[in-house]
Amino acid sequence: MKLKYLHHYPEKLQNQIRELIKKDKLSDYLLAKYKMKHEFQTDKTLYNYTQVYKNQFLKKQTLAKVLYDGKINVIHDALGVHTFISRVQGGKLKTKNEIRIGTVFKNMPEEFLRMIVVHELAHFKEKEHNKAFYKFCLHMEPAYHQLEFDLRVYLIHMDLLGKLY
């Protein structure tokens, strides 16, 4: 069985997930680690949630908008999108930062929402997925890599069995 969200991970990890699927234990694995979906269901609460992390780690950046976007989905290989719009206003260059997060995150545990928020905020500092980018993700969220892996497992669960929460 091919695990499309885990193809860059070691075969040993992929085999562990295949074994959980085979034994019908994938739901148990996820539910043992992540209890329930979060309460940040509106664009306003999502903006406030994101603003807390932005203020803690990116004080000089401005955040114009954060919202759930139903057009973003896993099929197009994206879970969130960051945009930077630069304009000359007067004699100054103004930057407008926006984050759009797939609506799939409305029904996921808060830990996964936090991971994608951290990921998109890291793009404010580092545009590419390079070593510095992931180092900054880890600075904002020390469990970033584990959360990313478990999110990918959750997406496999959704593909195979539907929503968990």
Foldseek 3Di string as FASTA:
>chain_A
DDQVLCPVPDPVVVVVLVVCVVVVNLLVVLCVPFPFADDQQFQVSLVVVLVVLCCVQPVPDDEAGEGEDQVDDCVVPDFKDKDWDWDCDPNDIDIYIYMYGHSVNRGGGVLLSLLVSLLRSLCVVPVDPDPSSVVSSCVSPVCNVVSSVVVSSQVSCCVPPNHSD
